[in-house]
PDB file of N, CA and C in Angstrom:
ATOM      1  N   MET A   1       0.628  -1.170   0.401  1.00  0.00           N
ATOM      2  CA  MET A   1      -0.249   0.034  -0.122  1.00  0.00           C
ATOM      3  C   MET A   1       0.866   1.265   0.025  1.00  0.00           C
ATOM      4  N   ASN A   2       0.619   1.978  -0.385  1.00  0.00           N
ATOM      5  CA  ASN A   2       0.901   3.147  -0.627  1.00  0.00           C
ATOM      6  C   ASN A   2       1.350   4.002   0.544  1.00  0.00           C
ATOM      7  N   LEU A   3       2.221   4.303   1.247  1.00  0.00           N
ATOM      8  CA  LEU A   3       3.216   5.189   2.371  1.00  0.00           C
ATOM      9  C   LEU A   3       2.082   6.523   2.610  1.00  0.00           C
ATOM     10  N   GLU A   4       1.929   6.991   1.282  1.00  0.00           N
ATOM     11  CA  GLU A   4       1.206   8.751   1.059  1.00  0.00           C
ATOM     12  C   GLU A   4      -0.161   8.143   1.712  1.00  0.00           C
ATOM     13  N   VAL A   5      -1.007   7.399   1.333  1.00  0.00           N
ATOM     14  CA  VAL A   5      -2.155   7.451   1.278  1.00  0.00           C
ATOM     15  C   VAL A   5      -2.244   6.514   2.858  1.00  0.00           C
ATOM     16  N   MET A   6      -1.287   5.559   3.619  1.00  0.00           N
ATOM     17  CA  MET A   6      -1.372   5.536   4.951  1.00  0.00           C
ATOM     18  C   MET A   6      -1.322   6.794   5.814  1.00  0.00           C
ATOM     19  N   LYS A   7      -0.409   7.761   5.322  1.00  0.00           N
ATOM     20  CA  LYS A   7       0.168   8.976   6.211  1.00  0.00           C
ATOM     21  C   LYS A   7      -1.392   9.720   6.025  1.00  0.00           C
ATOM     22  N   SER A   8      -1.970   9.608   5.049  1.00  0.00           N
ATOM     23  CA  SER A   8      -3.091  10.740   4.707  1.00  0.00           C
ATOM     24  C   SER A   8      -4.207   9.857   5.536  1.00  0.00           C
ATOM     25  N   VAL A   9      -4.326   8.988   5.384  1.00  0.00           N
ATOM     26  CA  VAL A   9      -5.644   8.116   6.732  1.00  0.00           C
ATOM     27  C   VAL A   9      -5.114   8.514   8.170  1.00  0.00           C
ATOM     28  N   ILE A  10      -4.067   8.423   8.112  1.00  0.00           N
ATOM     29  CA  ILE A  10      -3.297   8.368   9.763  1.00  0.00           C
ATOM     30  C   ILE A  10      -3.914  10.297   9.908  1.00  0.00           C
ATOM     31  N   GLU A  11      -3.165  10.723   9.744  1.00  0.00           N
ATOM     32  CA  GLU A  11      -3.591  12.161   9.638  1.00  0.00           C
ATOM     33  C   GLU A  11      -4.836  12.697   9.737  1.00  0.00           C
ATOM     34  N   ARG A  12      -5.854  12.167   9.473  1.00  0.00           N
ATOM     35  CA  ARG A  12      -7.574  12.303   9.316  1.00  0.00           C
ATOM     36  C   ARG A  12      -7.858  12.149  10.531  1.00  0.00           C
ATOM     37  N   GLY A  13      -7.412  10.464  11.160  1.00  0.00           N
ATOM     38  CA  GLY A  13      -8.084   9.864  12.291  1.00  0.00           C
ATOM     39  C   GLY A  13      -8.538   9.075  11.973  1.00  0.00           C
ATOM     40  N   ASP A  14      -8.466   8.494  10.868  1.00  0.00           N
ATOM     41  CA  ASP A  14      -9.621   7.410  10.219  1.00  0.00           C
ATOM     42  C   ASP A  14      -8.394   6.028  10.180  1.00  0.00           C
ATOM     43  N   LEU A  15      -8.012   5.660  11.741  1.00  0.00           N
ATOM     44  CA  LEU A  15      -7.457   4.415  11.724  1.00  0.00           C
ATOM     45  C   LEU A  15      -8.323   3.543  11.689  1.00  0.00           C
ATOM     46  N   ALA A  16      -9.757   3.417  12.322  1.00  0.00           N
ATOM     47  CA  ALA A  16     -10.814   2.223  12.271  1.00  0.00           C
ATOM     48  C   ALA A  16     -10.546   1.973  10.365  1.00  0.00           C
ATOM     49  N   HIS A  17     -10.811   2.683   9.309  1.00  0.00           N
ATOM     50  CA  HIS A  17     -10.667   2.091   7.982  1.00  0.00           C
ATOM     51  C   HIS A  17      -9.411   1.706   7.893  1.00  0.00           C
ATOM     52  N   LEU A  18      -8.419   2.049   7.939  1.00  0.00           N
ATOM     53  CA  LEU A  18      -7.408   1.124   7.746  1.00  0.00           C
ATOM     54  C   LEU A  18      -7.079   0.365   8.345  1.00  0.00           C
ATOM     55  N   ALA A  19      -7.140  -0.007   9.610  1.00  0.00           N
ATOM     56  CA  ALA A  19      -7.117  -1.612  10.322  1.00  0.00           C
ATOM     57  C   ALA A  19      -8.125  -1.833   9.575  1.00  0.00           C
ATOM     58  N   LEU A  20      -9.326  -2.086   8.908  1.00  0.00           N
ATOM     59  CA  LEU A  20     -10.565  -2.862   8.526  1.00  0.00           C
ATOM     60  C   LEU A  20      -9.449  -3.434   7.073  1.00  0.00           C
ATOM     61  N   LEU A  21      -9.062  -1.853   6.232  1.00  0.00           N
ATOM     62  CA  LEU A  21      -8.069  -2.142   5.231  1.00  0.00           C
ATOM     63  C   LEU A  21      -7.504  -3.574   4.971  1.00  0.00           C
ATOM     64  N   MET A  22      -6.688  -2.968   6.234  1.00  0.00           N
ATOM     65  CA  MET A  22      -5.706  -4.075   6.380  1.00  0.00           C
ATOM     66  C   MET A  22      -5.858  -5.628   6.553  1.00  0.00           C
ATOM     67  N   TRP A  23      -6.504  -5.606   7.087  1.00  0.00           N
ATOM     68  CA  TRP A  23      -7.677  -6.791   7.254  1.00  0.00           C
ATOM     69  C   TRP A  23      -7.975  -7.730   6.574  1.00  0.00           C
ATOM     70  N   ALA A  24      -8.618  -6.841   5.608  1.00  0.00           N
ATOM     71  CA  ALA A  24      -8.879  -7.496   4.416  1.00  0.00           C
ATOM     72  C   ALA A  24      -8.300  -7.255   3.452  1.00  0.00           C
ATOM     73  N   THR A  25      -7.189  -7.043   3.599  1.00  0.00           N
ATOM     74  CA  THR A  25      -6.360  -7.026   2.431  1.00  0.00           C
ATOM     75  C   THR A  25      -5.249  -8.262   3.033  1.00  0.00           C
ATOM     76  N   SER A  26      -5.161  -8.947   3.938  1.00  0.00           N
ATOM     77  CA  SER A  26      -4.353  -9.559   4.668  1.00  0.00           C
ATOM     78  C   SER A  26      -5.186 -11.078   4.637  1.00  0.00           C
ATOM     79  N   SER A  27      -6.488 -10.904   4.913  1.00  0.00           N
ATOM     80  CA  SER A  27      -7.852 -11.861   4.691  1.00  0.00           C
ATOM     81  C   SER A  27      -7.294 -12.454   3.124  1.00  0.00           C
ATOM     82  N   SER A  28      -7.548 -11.821   2.250  1.00  0.00           N
ATOM     83  CA  SER A  28      -7.865 -12.428   0.876  1.00  0.00           C
ATOM     84  C   SER A  28      -6.289 -12.578   0.386  1.00  0.00           C
ATOM     85  N   GLY A  29      -5.165 -12.424   0.938  1.00  0.00           N
ATOM     86  CA  GLY A  29      -4.361 -12.842   0.519  1.00  0.00           C
ATOM     87  C   GLY A  29      -3.957 -14.186   1.135  1.00  0.00           C
ATOM     88  N   LEU A  30      -4.134 -14.079   2.471  1.00  0.00           N
ATOM     89  CA  LEU A  30      -4.717 -16.033   3.411  1.00  0.00           C
ATOM     90  C   LEU A  30      -5.489 -16.584   2.417  1.00  0.00           C
ATOM     91  N   LEU A  31      -6.540 -16.426   1.824  1.00  0.00           N
ATOM     92  CA  LEU A  31      -7.276 -17.095   1.239  1.00  0.00           C
ATOM     93  C   LEU A  31      -6.938 -17.569  -0.512  1.00  0.00           C
ATOM     94  N   VAL A  32      -6.258 -16.758  -1.151  1.00  0.00           N
ATOM     95  CA  VAL A  32      -5.781 -17.087  -2.128  1.00  0.00           C
ATOM     96  C   VAL A  32      -4.535 -18.165  -1.839  1.00  0.00           C
ATOM     97  N   TRP A  33      -3.666 -17.584  -0.931  1.00  0.00           N
ATOM     98  CA  TRP A  33      -2.428 -19.043  -0.729  1.00  0.00           C
ATOM     99  C   TRP A  33      -2.872 -20.183  -0.239  1.00  0.00           C
ATOM    100  N   SER A  34      -4.423 -20.401   0.486  1.00  0.00           N
ATOM    101  CA  SER A  34      -5.233 -21.302   0.781  1.00  0.00           C
ATOM    102  C   SER A  34      -5.003 -21.903  -0.032  1.00  0.00           C
ATOM    103  N   LEU A  35      -5.950 -21.277  -1.112  1.00  0.00           N
ATOM    104  CA  LEU A  35      -6.660 -22.107  -2.300  1.00  0.00           C
ATOM    105  C   LEU A  35      -5.462 -22.896  -3.703  1.00  0.00           C
ATOM    106  N   LYS A  36      -4.315 -22.324  -3.166  1.00  0.00           N
ATOM    107  CA  LYS A  36      -3.519 -22.347  -4.196  1.00  0.00           C
ATOM    108  C   LYS A  36      -2.556 -23.793  -3.361  1.00  0.00           C
ATOM    109  N   GLU A  37      -2.763 -23.815  -1.669  1.00  0.00           N
ATOM    110  CA  GLU A  37      -2.070 -25.157  -1.532  1.00  0.00           C
ATOM    111  C   GLU A  37      -3.355 -25.974  -1.581  1.00  0.00           C
ATOM    112  N   LEU A  38      -4.659 -25.654  -1.374  1.00  0.00           N
ATOM    113  CA  LEU A  38      -5.510 -26.942  -2.012  1.00  0.00           C
ATOM    114  C   LEU A  38      -5.386 -27.649  -3.146  1.00  0.00           C
ATOM    115  N   ALA A  39      -5.252 -26.719  -4.030  1.00  0.00           N
ATOM    116  CA  ALA A  39      -5.030 -27.138  -5.648  1.00  0.00           C
ATOM    117  C   ALA A  39      -3.725 -28.115  -5.892  1.00  0.00           C
ATOM    118  N   ALA A  40      -2.707 -27.747  -4.946  1.00  0.00           N
ATOM    119  CA  ALA A  40      -1.311 -28.732  -5.296  1.00  0.00           C
ATOM    120  C   ALA A  40      -1.917 -29.904  -4.305  1.00  0.00           C
ATOM    121  N   ALA A  41      -2.087 -30.081  -3.326  1.00  0.00           N
ATOM    122  CA  ALA A  41      -2.739 -30.729  -2.645  1.00  0.00           C
ATOM    123  C   ALA A  41      -3.017 -31.794  -3.073  1.00  0.00           C
ATOM    124  N   ASN A  42      -4.607 -31.421  -4.044  1.00  0.00           N
ATOM    125  CA  ASN A  42      -4.999 -32.131  -4.881  1.00  0.00           C
ATOM    126  C   ASN A  42      -4.438 -32.797  -5.890  1.00  0.00           C
ATOM    127  N   ARG A  43      -3.427 -32.141  -6.794  1.00  0.00           N
ATOM    128  CA  ARG A  43      -2.693 -32.672  -7.672  1.00  0.00           C
ATOM    129  C   ARG A  43      -1.783 -33.710  -7.225  1.00  0.00           C
ATOM    130  N   ARG A  44      -1.070 -33.553  -6.223  1.00  0.00           N
ATOM    131  CA  ARG A  44      -0.156 -34.687  -5.076  1.00  0.00           C
ATOM    132  C   ARG A  44      -1.160 -35.808  -5.348  1.00  0.00           C
ATOM    133  N   PHE A  45      -2.554 -35.373  -4.678  1.00  0.00           N
ATOM    134  CA  PHE A  45      -3.313 -36.844  -4.008  1.00  0.00           C
ATOM    135  C   PHE A  45      -4.065 -37.341  -5.888  1.00  0.00           C
ATOM    136  N   ASP A  46      -3.836 -36.834  -6.830  1.00  0.00           N
ATOM    137  CA  ASP A  46      -4.182 -37.257  -8.028  1.00  0.00           C
ATOM    138  C   ASP A  46      -3.109 -38.123  -8.374  1.00  0.00           C
ATOM    139  N   ASP A  47      -2.034 -37.660  -8.430  1.00  0.00           N
ATOM    140  CA  ASP A  47      -0.741 -38.146  -8.436  1.00  0.00           C
ATOM    141  C   ASP A  47      -0.301 -39.645  -7.902  1.00  0.00           C
ATOM    142  N   PHE A  48      -0.841 -39.625  -7.042  1.00  0.00           N
ATOM    143  CA  PHE A  48      -0.611 -40.505  -6.157  1.00  0.00           C
ATOM    144  C   PHE A  48      -1.795 -41.030  -5.927  1.00  0.00           C
ATOM    145  N   VAL A  49      -2.933 -41.203  -6.644  1.00  0.00           N
ATOM    146  CA  VAL A  49      -3.740 -42.406  -7.181  1.00  0.00           C
ATOM    147  C   VAL A  49      -3.774 -42.944  -8.323  1.00  0.00           C
ATOM    148  N   ARG A  50      -3.438 -42.296  -9.187  1.00  0.00           N
ATOM    149  CA  ARG A  50      -2.539 -42.807 -10.596  1.00  0.00           C
ATOM    150  C   ARG A  50      -1.759 -43.772 -10.725  1.00  0.00           C
ATOM    151  N   GLU A  51      -0.778 -43.471  -9.460  1.00  0.00           N
ATOM    152  CA  GLU A  51       0.479 -44.617  -9.328  1.00  0.00           C
ATOM    153  C   GLU A  51      -0.245 -45.808  -8.831  1.00  0.00           C
ATOM    154  N   ILE A  52      -1.074 -45.720  -7.859  1.00  0.00           N
ATOM    155  CA  ILE A  52      -1.644 -46.545  -6.915  1.00  0.00           C
ATOM    156  C   ILE A  52      -2.173 -47.946  -8.322  1.00  0.00           C
ATOM    157  N   ALA A  53      -3.177 -46.927  -9.068  1.00  0.00           N
ATOM    158  CA  ALA A  53      -3.553 -47.552 -10.203  1.00  0.00           C
ATOM    159  C   ALA A  53      -2.906 -48.224 -10.930  1.00  0.00           C
ATOM    160  N   SER A  54      -1.811 -47.713 -11.312  1.00  0.00           N
ATOM    161  CA  SER A  54      -0.846 -48.402 -12.184  1.00  0.00           C
ATOM    162  C   SER A  54      -0.250 -49.620 -11.500  1.00  0.00           C
ATOM    163  N   LEU A  55       0.030 -49.398 -10.520  1.00  0.00           N
ATOM    164  CA  LEU A  55       0.874 -50.714  -9.949  1.00  0.00           C
ATOM    165  C   LEU A  55      -0.299 -51.790  -9.552  1.00  0.00           C
ATOM    166  N   ASN A  56      -1.746 -51.563  -9.318  1.00  0.00           N
ATOM    167  CA  ASN A  56      -2.848 -52.586  -9.224  1.00  0.00           C
ATOM    168  C   ASN A  56      -2.640 -52.978 -10.739  1.00  0.00           C
ATOM    169  N   ARG A  57      -2.796 -52.201 -11.966  1.00  0.00           N
ATOM    170  CA  ARG A  57      -2.862 -52.856 -13.107  1.00  0.00           C
ATOM    171  C   ARG A  57      -1.667 -53.542 -13.172  1.00  0.00           C
ATOM    172  N   LEU A  58      -0.238 -53.815 -13.032  1.00  0.00           N
ATOM    173  CA  LEU A  58       0.847 -54.097 -13.246  1.00  0.00           C
ATOM    174  C   LEU A  58       0.652 -55.914 -12.346  1.00  0.00           C
ATOM    175  N   PHE A  59       0.109 -55.744 -11.300  1.00  0.00           N
ATOM    176  CA  PHE A  59       0.015 -56.542 -10.480  1.00  0.00           C
ATOM    177  C   PHE A  59      -0.806 -57.472 -11.271  1.00  0.00           C
ATOM    178  N   SER A  60      -1.973 -56.858 -11.391  1.00  0.00           N
ATOM    179  CA  SER A  60      -2.923 -58.179 -12.000  1.00  0.00           C
ATOM    180  C   SER A  60      -2.675 -58.494 -13.047  1.00  0.00           C
ATOM    181  N   ARG A  61      -1.961 -57.924 -14.079  1.00  0.00           N
ATOM    182  CA  ARG A  61      -1.203 -58.830 -15.032  1.00  0.00           C
ATOM    183  C   ARG A  61      -0.045 -59.707 -14.707  1.00  0.00           C
ATOM    184  N   GLY A  62       0.136 -59.670 -13.654  1.00  0.00           N
ATOM    185  CA  GLY A  62       1.202 -60.946 -13.298  1.00  0.00           C
ATOM    186  C   GLY A  62       0.700 -61.973 -12.568  1.00  0.00           C
ATOM    187  N   ASP A  63      -1.064 -61.962 -12.439  1.00  0.00           N
ATOM    188  CA  ASP A  63      -1.225 -62.694 -11.720  1.00  0.00           C
ATOM    189  C   ASP A  63      -1.712 -64.083 -12.453  1.00  0.00           C
ATOM    190  N   GLN A  64      -2.134 -63.332 -14.123  1.00  0.00           N
ATOM    191  CA  GLN A  64      -2.693 -64.275 -15.021  1.00  0.00           C
ATOM    192  C   GLN A  64      -2.127 -65.418 -15.762  1.00  0.00           C
TER     193      GLN A  64
END
């Protein structure tokens, strides 16, 4: 955030709005980070399931 904007808000005594803006910004950032981590976990789990399926196919061919 621009330092001049923060200084202007503080000078006018509007600290509640500044705190709310900072809270909303950090919450949005945390949401984006969480969604990225969830997508990465889904990809890892999908890779794991694919590997298990390929092992099952490999072992089922050996039984015949």
